[in-house]
Structures are given as structure tokens and as C-alpha cells.
Amino acid sequence: MYALTALMRSLRGICNSIYVSSRLLSRYGGFNEVAVQVLLGKLNVCKGFRRGEVLVSIDDLPILSLLGTYETDCFIDYKCSEVIKHNAVMPEYPQFIIDVSFWRRHTENELRSLIIQLMQTLRELRRYLWDGNLTIAGVDDEFMNLFRKFTGNINTATRFLGSIPSNYLKSAVMLDPYGDVELTEDIIKSTDAFIIGGISDSEVIRKGETYELYKSLGLSELNVPRVKLTLRGVLTGVPERINKLVSILLMVKFSNYNLEDAVISNQSKADKINRLHRELSTLRAVDLNTLGNLLIWLGLTPWDNKVASVLRRRGLYLQ
């Protein structure tokens, strides 16, 4: 929760604690997301007394919400009579760079899906960092017009650039399902910039297009590694949506998830079913213990209709 930490540290000596209403938490999703809105100027830190329950502390500075007896002298809201200025500074890195240079190749529905994924990626980042840690590169005026038409007058500090800044490439990797380097937790934790192709292939198969983008960006000349995300060495069942990939990276980098658990946590039902098919097809014989462990690993239950259908087709049953 970097935005929340940066904000609270900037208020040390000014506020003895901060109150955030449950209304704001519900509206934006959590404490860090509320802090992001303060950094973006949509919300203000206000001087004034509130009472609540201490839910979390940042460097011994309490943050309150709900009903309680603890009294605070500052709160966050849209408007107030006395606004407290802050000087919160967010780290520039890590950077998550989505390059949309090939956006014109998409069908109308794929382009719509791409923009939805970009917005969902921003939402994922706001859980940990803030908008400034997202760069959308390869844009032009036409793309920006389409983006604004779809998203409206969005308030964001996301960078929209024609090309990837060279300083972002000093410690960078590009995610490519057909890359020659296996993505590991060590790579994630030691990398400053993650480049992801802004490619949606919901209607047209675009195998190899990420590598084409990699070459067109000149990343091969800069020896930027192409890393592939797998689940136990296999692509099947690995989420493909941009926001899911970013979520996996964030969970490993900031929430101490191991890579396998982060992948499984972000799998869709379709991803899980596809991986179940794949795992069962590799087994000559399946005993109930093996099948039970496989379902537990993927977070599936045998009474789910789709799981039951897969098992029935293979003559497998769990009581």
C-alpha cells in the first residue's frame, strides 16, 4: 500500500491519525485506493475531529473508519472547510508498461476488450501503488480519442506516450508466452520495468505477435529478456489478460505470494478447467487421491457442473 504509506508519512506531525469513512472505502475499494484519489486531487485531507475504530496503522499513525471511540483530528473527504496540504511522493518504479503500438490490427471488439483490460490494470495498480506506475506506450492521437470516448473524462496520472522511455529499459523484461527465459520470483523482485504487449486476441489468433512487437520496439538490440510465465513449466491455464498478468506480478512483488499461488489466484474458471483437462490427459491412470489433490491444487470442487462434466467424460467420479 505504497500510496497510503506515502500519504501518511507526509502528514506526520500534522495529524495524530486519519479517519476514512466506510462510504469512501466502499466507493474506491480500500485504503490505498482512497489515498490514490488524494494524490490525484479528487479527495482532500481535512482538518476536523471524527471518531472511529482503528483498523490499520502506518508507522504508528492510526487510520480509522466505522464507529468507535478513538478520536482523530484529520479526515479524508471530497470537500472541507480546512484542507491540509501534503507532500506525498510516490516511487517511479516499478513501471508497468503496456505497449499498444499494434492497436490498429484489432477488431472493434478486441479493441474494446483491450481498453477494458487497461482500465482493469489501473485498478489493480491502485491496490498497491498508483497511476504513475502505469505507462501506456505506442499511443497516437487516434488511439487517445478512442480511449477517451470509451472511458470518459478519466482522472489519472497514467503516462500515455508514443514510445517507451529509454531509462525504463535499464532494468526491464518483456512478458512473452513464447519467450526463452522462464519468469521467476527472483526476476520479478529484481526488475524495475515490466513490458506487456497491448494485444487482445479474443477473435483473431495472434501467435507470435508479441515477438514481432518486441523486435519492432528495438528491444532485441537492447538485450531486454523475453520472459514467459508458466504454471509448473506449462502455459496451459496461465491467465492471458493484461490485468491478470499485472496482478500476478504485484502479488509476488508486494504481497509475498509465491509465483504459483499468484497464478492460480488469478485463474479464471476457464483457465482452471483447461488446466484440469491438460493434467488429466497426461495421466495413464487416475486414483481418487491424485484426482482430489489435483482439484485442491486448482481450487476446484467435484460438484461444480463444469468439473463434473470433465470427470464424467473421463469416467471419473468423486463422492
Protein backbone atom coordinates (compact mmCIF):
# COMPACT_ATOMS: atom_id res chain seq x y z
CA MET A 1 0.00 0.00 0.00
CA TYR A 2 2.58 2.50 -1.18
CA ALA A 3 0.19 5.41 -1.82
CA LEU A 4 -1.26 5.13 1.68
CA THR A 5 2.19 4.89 3.24
CA ALA A 6 3.49 7.90 1.30
CA LEU A 7 0.44 9.97 2.24
CA MET A 8 0.53 9.07 5.92
CA ARG A 9 4.24 9.77 6.22
CA SER A 10 3.72 13.20 4.66
CA LEU A 11 1.12 14.00 7.33
CA ARG A 12 3.27 13.02 10.30
CA GLY A 13 3.37 15.88 12.78
CA ILE A 14 0.26 17.42 11.21
CA CYS A 15 -2.34 14.77 12.05
CA ASN A 16 -2.36 12.40 15.01
CA SER A 17 -4.48 9.97 12.95
CA ILE A 18 -6.76 9.88 9.88
CA TYR A 19 -10.42 8.95 9.55
CA VAL A 20 -11.70 7.40 6.29
CA SER A 21 -15.44 6.82 6.01
CA SER A 22 -16.81 3.42 5.03
CA ARG A 23 -18.58 5.26 2.19
CA LEU A 24 -15.21 6.17 0.62
CA LEU A 25 -13.79 2.71 1.25
CA SER A 26 -16.79 1.16 -0.48
CA ARG A 27 -16.62 3.66 -3.36
CA TYR A 28 -12.92 3.21 -4.11
CA GLY A 29 -12.17 -0.28 -2.82
CA GLY A 30 -9.75 0.16 0.07
CA PHE A 31 -7.39 2.43 1.98
CA ASN A 32 -4.69 2.57 -0.70
CA GLU A 33 -7.27 3.35 -3.39
CA VAL A 34 -8.58 6.23 -1.25
CA ALA A 35 -5.02 7.52 -0.81
CA VAL A 36 -4.57 7.38 -4.61
CA GLN A 37 -7.58 9.65 -5.01
CA VAL A 38 -5.97 12.11 -2.59
CA LEU A 39 -2.78 12.05 -4.67
CA LEU A 40 -4.86 12.65 -7.81
CA GLY A 41 -6.59 15.63 -6.18
CA LYS A 42 -10.08 14.14 -6.19
CA LEU A 43 -10.16 13.80 -2.39
CA ASN A 44 -8.71 16.07 0.29
CA VAL A 45 -7.15 15.62 3.70
CA CYS A 46 -9.22 17.78 6.02
CA LYS A 47 -8.70 19.20 9.50
CA GLY A 48 -11.50 18.18 11.82
CA PHE A 49 -12.49 15.75 14.53
CA ARG A 50 -14.00 12.33 13.87
CA ARG A 51 -14.45 9.20 15.96
CA GLY A 52 -13.91 5.67 14.75
CA GLU A 53 -12.22 2.32 15.15
CA VAL A 54 -8.52 1.90 14.42
CA LEU A 55 -8.32 -0.54 11.50
CA VAL A 56 -4.68 -0.16 10.45
CA SER A 57 -1.57 1.81 11.35
CA ILE A 58 1.21 3.12 9.12
CA ASP A 59 4.43 3.83 11.02
CA ASP A 60 2.38 4.03 14.24
CA LEU A 61 -0.02 6.57 12.68
CA PRO A 62 -3.54 5.13 13.11
CA ILE A 63 -6.14 5.03 10.35
CA LEU A 64 -9.76 4.91 11.49
CA SER A 65 -13.10 4.01 9.99
CA LEU A 66 -16.55 2.76 11.04
CA LEU A 67 -17.91 3.60 14.50
CA GLY A 68 -15.65 3.73 17.54
CA THR A 69 -14.41 5.76 20.46
CA TYR A 70 -10.93 6.67 19.17
CA GLU A 71 -10.82 10.37 18.26
CA THR A 72 -8.84 11.75 15.33
CA ASP A 73 -8.09 15.29 14.24
CA CYS A 74 -7.98 14.68 10.46
CA PHE A 75 -10.23 13.01 7.93
CA ILE A 76 -10.47 12.46 4.18
CA ASP A 77 -13.40 13.72 2.10
CA TYR A 78 -14.27 15.45 -1.15
CA LYS A 79 -14.65 18.93 0.33
CA CYS A 80 -13.95 20.53 3.68
CA SER A 81 -13.51 23.93 5.27
CA GLU A 82 -9.83 23.43 6.13
CA VAL A 83 -7.73 21.48 3.62
CA ILE A 84 -4.37 20.12 4.75
CA LYS A 85 -1.69 20.19 2.09
CA HIS A 86 0.51 17.13 1.76
CA ASN A 87 3.81 16.48 0.01
CA ALA A 88 3.48 12.74 -0.56
CA VAL A 89 5.98 11.43 -3.10
CA MET A 90 5.50 8.11 -4.87
CA PRO A 91 8.33 5.95 -6.23
CA GLU A 92 8.60 5.96 -10.03
CA TYR A 93 9.43 2.25 -10.08
CA PRO A 94 8.33 -0.38 -10.68
CA GLN A 95 6.84 0.62 -14.02
CA PHE A 96 4.24 -1.48 -15.78
CA ILE A 97 4.37 -0.61 -19.47
CA ILE A 98 1.61 -1.68 -21.83
CA ASP A 99 2.64 -1.05 -25.44
CA VAL A 100 -0.35 -0.71 -27.77
CA SER A 101 1.60 0.01 -30.97
CA PHE A 102 -0.34 -2.71 -32.83
CA TRP A 103 -3.77 -1.49 -31.74
CA ARG A 104 -4.92 -0.91 -35.34
CA ARG A 105 -4.69 -4.65 -36.01
CA HIS A 106 -7.53 -5.32 -33.58
CA THR A 107 -11.14 -5.84 -34.44
CA GLU A 108 -13.62 -3.43 -32.87
CA ASN A 109 -14.48 -5.93 -30.14
CA GLU A 110 -10.82 -6.72 -29.46
CA LEU A 111 -10.03 -3.02 -29.15
CA ARG A 112 -12.88 -2.63 -26.69
CA SER A 113 -11.52 -5.61 -24.72
CA LEU A 114 -8.03 -4.09 -24.76
CA ILE A 115 -9.24 -0.79 -23.30
CA ILE A 116 -11.22 -2.65 -20.63
CA GLN A 117 -8.07 -4.57 -19.71
CA LEU A 118 -6.11 -1.30 -19.48
CA MET A 119 -8.68 0.12 -17.06
CA GLN A 120 -8.69 -3.07 -15.02
CA THR A 121 -4.89 -2.94 -14.92
CA LEU A 122 -5.09 0.57 -13.47
CA ARG A 123 -7.49 -0.73 -10.84
CA GLU A 124 -5.04 -3.49 -9.89
CA LEU A 125 -2.18 -1.00 -9.58
CA ARG A 126 -4.22 1.24 -7.32
CA ARG A 127 -4.41 -1.59 -4.80
CA TYR A 128 -0.64 -1.38 -4.27
CA LEU A 129 0.89 1.66 -5.99
CA TRP A 130 -0.79 4.40 -8.00
CA ASP A 131 -1.49 5.61 -11.54
CA GLY A 132 2.04 6.94 -12.04
CA ASN A 133 3.38 3.38 -12.06
CA LEU A 134 1.47 2.62 -15.28
CA THR A 135 2.67 3.71 -18.71
CA ILE A 136 0.66 3.10 -21.85
CA ALA A 137 3.10 3.42 -24.76
CA GLY A 138 2.71 3.32 -28.53
CA VAL A 139 -0.26 5.68 -28.46
CA ASP A 140 -1.18 8.31 -31.02
CA ASP A 141 -3.95 10.92 -31.24
CA GLU A 142 -6.38 8.49 -32.83
CA PHE A 143 -5.90 5.92 -30.09
CA MET A 144 -6.29 8.58 -27.39
CA ASN A 145 -9.55 9.77 -28.96
CA LEU A 146 -10.87 6.21 -28.90
CA PHE A 147 -9.64 5.71 -25.34
CA ARG A 148 -11.35 8.88 -24.09
CA LYS A 149 -14.51 8.04 -25.97
CA PHE A 150 -14.67 4.71 -24.18
CA THR A 151 -13.52 5.77 -20.69
CA GLY A 152 -14.89 9.29 -20.49
CA ASN A 153 -13.06 12.07 -18.69
CA ILE A 154 -10.96 9.78 -16.52
CA ASN A 155 -8.86 11.39 -13.80
CA THR A 156 -5.48 9.65 -13.89
CA ALA A 157 -1.74 10.23 -13.66
CA THR A 158 -1.05 7.33 -16.03
CA ARG A 159 1.51 8.23 -18.69
CA PHE A 160 0.35 7.99 -22.32
CA LEU A 161 3.46 8.07 -24.51
CA GLY A 162 4.36 7.50 -28.13
CA SER A 163 7.29 5.29 -27.18
CA ILE A 164 8.88 3.66 -24.14
CA PRO A 165 11.34 5.99 -22.36
CA SER A 166 14.90 4.73 -22.62
CA ASN A 167 15.50 4.99 -18.86
CA TYR A 168 12.76 2.40 -18.30
CA LEU A 169 14.77 -0.15 -20.27
CA LYS A 170 17.77 -0.25 -17.94
CA SER A 171 16.14 -2.94 -15.80
CA ALA A 172 13.31 -4.32 -17.90
CA VAL A 173 11.80 -7.56 -19.13
CA MET A 174 9.08 -8.21 -21.69
CA LEU A 175 6.43 -10.79 -20.99
CA ASP A 176 6.02 -13.18 -23.91
CA PRO A 177 4.37 -16.61 -23.65
CA TYR A 178 6.97 -17.87 -26.13
CA GLY A 179 9.96 -16.18 -24.52
CA ASP A 180 13.21 -18.02 -23.95
CA VAL A 181 13.57 -17.18 -20.23
CA GLU A 182 11.35 -18.65 -17.51
CA LEU A 183 9.87 -15.95 -15.29
CA THR A 184 10.81 -16.48 -11.64
CA GLU A 185 10.11 -14.76 -8.35
CA ASP A 186 13.71 -13.50 -8.26
CA ILE A 187 13.29 -11.88 -11.69
CA ILE A 188 10.04 -10.22 -10.61
CA LYS A 189 11.53 -8.85 -7.41
CA SER A 190 14.70 -7.56 -9.07
CA THR A 191 13.11 -5.97 -12.16
CA ASP A 192 12.09 -2.30 -12.36
CA ALA A 193 10.05 -2.29 -15.59
CA PHE A 194 7.67 -4.89 -16.99
CA ILE A 195 6.69 -4.53 -20.64
CA ILE A 196 3.49 -6.22 -21.79
CA GLY A 197 2.14 -6.21 -25.31
CA GLY A 198 -1.20 -4.45 -25.63
CA ILE A 199 -2.59 -7.33 -27.66
CA SER A 200 -6.07 -8.81 -27.44
CA ASP A 201 -6.71 -11.99 -29.42
CA SER A 202 -10.28 -12.81 -28.46
CA GLU A 203 -11.35 -13.01 -32.13
CA VAL A 204 -8.13 -13.42 -34.13
CA ILE A 205 -5.29 -15.80 -33.21
CA ARG A 206 -2.17 -13.64 -32.85
CA LYS A 207 0.53 -16.18 -32.06
CA GLY A 208 3.99 -14.64 -32.44
CA GLU A 209 2.70 -11.06 -32.44
CA THR A 210 4.32 -10.29 -29.09
CA TYR A 211 7.71 -11.26 -30.51
CA GLU A 212 7.00 -9.11 -33.56
CA LEU A 213 6.23 -6.20 -31.25
CA TYR A 214 9.41 -6.94 -29.28
CA LYS A 215 11.51 -6.64 -32.44
CA SER A 216 9.68 -3.55 -33.71
CA LEU A 217 10.41 -1.77 -30.43
CA GLY A 218 14.14 -2.48 -30.82
CA LEU A 219 14.23 -4.46 -27.58
CA SER A 220 16.26 -7.26 -29.12
CA GLU A 221 19.13 -4.84 -29.79
CA LEU A 222 18.98 -3.75 -26.15
CA ASN A 223 19.03 -7.36 -24.92
CA VAL A 224 15.80 -6.96 -22.98
CA PRO A 225 14.89 -10.51 -21.86
CA ARG A 226 11.69 -12.11 -23.17
CA VAL A 227 10.26 -13.92 -20.18
CA LYS A 228 7.46 -16.46 -20.22
CA LEU A 229 5.08 -17.05 -17.36
CA THR A 230 4.22 -20.71 -16.89
CA LEU A 231 2.50 -22.85 -14.30
CA ARG A 232 4.84 -25.69 -13.41
CA GLY A 233 6.59 -25.22 -16.74
CA VAL A 234 3.40 -25.30 -18.82
CA LEU A 235 1.47 -22.45 -20.47
CA THR A 236 -1.93 -24.11 -20.18
CA GLY A 237 -4.05 -22.43 -17.52
CA VAL A 238 -1.87 -19.32 -17.24
CA PRO A 239 -4.07 -16.20 -17.42
CA GLU A 240 -3.63 -14.16 -20.60
CA ARG A 241 -5.47 -10.94 -19.77
CA ILE A 242 -3.17 -7.97 -19.19
CA ASN A 243 -4.73 -7.04 -15.86
CA LYS A 244 -4.33 -10.61 -14.60
CA LEU A 245 -0.65 -10.66 -15.56
CA VAL A 246 -0.07 -7.38 -13.74
CA SER A 247 -1.97 -8.70 -10.72
CA ILE A 248 0.32 -11.74 -10.59
CA LEU A 249 3.43 -9.55 -10.72
CA LEU A 250 2.09 -7.26 -7.99
CA MET A 251 1.15 -10.14 -5.70
CA VAL A 252 4.65 -11.62 -5.94
CA LYS A 253 6.43 -8.28 -5.65
CA PHE A 254 4.41 -6.78 -2.80
CA SER A 255 2.25 -9.42 -1.09
CA ASN A 256 4.80 -12.22 -0.61
CA TYR A 257 2.86 -14.65 -2.77
CA ASN A 258 4.90 -17.33 -4.45
CA LEU A 259 4.53 -17.31 -8.21
CA GLU A 260 2.49 -20.49 -8.46
CA ASP A 261 -0.08 -19.35 -5.89
CA ALA A 262 -0.34 -15.94 -7.57
CA VAL A 263 -1.05 -17.58 -10.94
CA ILE A 264 -3.71 -19.88 -9.51
CA SER A 265 -5.32 -16.99 -7.59
CA ASN A 266 -5.75 -15.12 -10.87
CA GLN A 267 -7.02 -18.02 -12.96
CA SER A 268 -10.49 -17.76 -14.43
CA LYS A 269 -12.81 -20.78 -14.27
CA ALA A 270 -11.95 -21.45 -17.93
CA ASP A 271 -8.21 -21.37 -17.11
CA LYS A 272 -8.73 -23.89 -14.31
CA ILE A 273 -10.83 -26.21 -16.45
CA ASN A 274 -8.30 -26.07 -19.30
CA ARG A 275 -5.50 -26.96 -16.90
CA LEU A 276 -7.59 -29.77 -15.41
CA HIS A 277 -8.07 -31.20 -18.92
CA ARG A 278 -4.36 -30.97 -19.55
CA GLU A 279 -3.34 -32.60 -16.26
CA LEU A 280 -5.79 -35.49 -16.69
CA SER A 281 -4.61 -36.10 -20.25
CA THR A 282 -1.05 -36.67 -19.03
CA LEU A 283 -2.02 -39.36 -16.52
CA ARG A 284 -2.24 -43.01 -17.57
CA ALA A 285 -4.34 -43.86 -14.56
CA VAL A 286 -6.05 -41.63 -12.03
CA ASP A 287 -6.71 -42.71 -8.46
CA LEU A 288 -9.06 -40.79 -6.20
CA ASN A 289 -6.22 -39.40 -4.08
CA THR A 290 -4.41 -38.00 -7.13
CA LEU A 291 -7.62 -36.53 -8.50
CA GLY A 292 -8.53 -34.98 -5.16
CA ASN A 293 -5.11 -33.36 -4.85
CA LEU A 294 -5.35 -32.02 -8.40
CA LEU A 295 -8.73 -30.42 -7.71
CA ILE A 296 -7.46 -28.90 -4.45
CA TRP A 297 -4.40 -27.51 -6.24
CA LEU A 298 -6.56 -25.76 -8.83
CA GLY A 299 -9.16 -24.65 -6.31
CA LEU A 300 -11.91 -26.69 -7.96
CA THR A 301 -14.70 -28.76 -6.48
CA PRO A 302 -16.04 -32.02 -7.96
CA TRP A 303 -19.66 -30.88 -7.64
CA ASP A 304 -19.08 -27.86 -9.89
CA ASN A 305 -21.04 -28.55 -13.10
CA LYS A 306 -18.10 -27.94 -15.45
CA VAL A 307 -15.73 -30.00 -13.34
CA ALA A 308 -18.27 -32.81 -13.08
CA SER A 309 -18.68 -32.75 -16.84
CA VAL A 310 -14.92 -33.15 -17.36
CA LEU A 311 -14.77 -36.02 -14.89
CA ARG A 312 -17.78 -37.82 -16.36
CA ARG A 313 -16.27 -37.73 -19.85
CA ARG A 314 -13.24 -39.48 -18.42
CA GLY A 315 -15.25 -41.94 -16.36
CA LEU A 316 -14.10 -40.37 -13.11
CA TYR A 317 -16.28 -39.78 -10.08
CA LEU A 318 -15.71 -38.31 -6.64
CA GLN A 319 -18.25 -38.65 -3.85
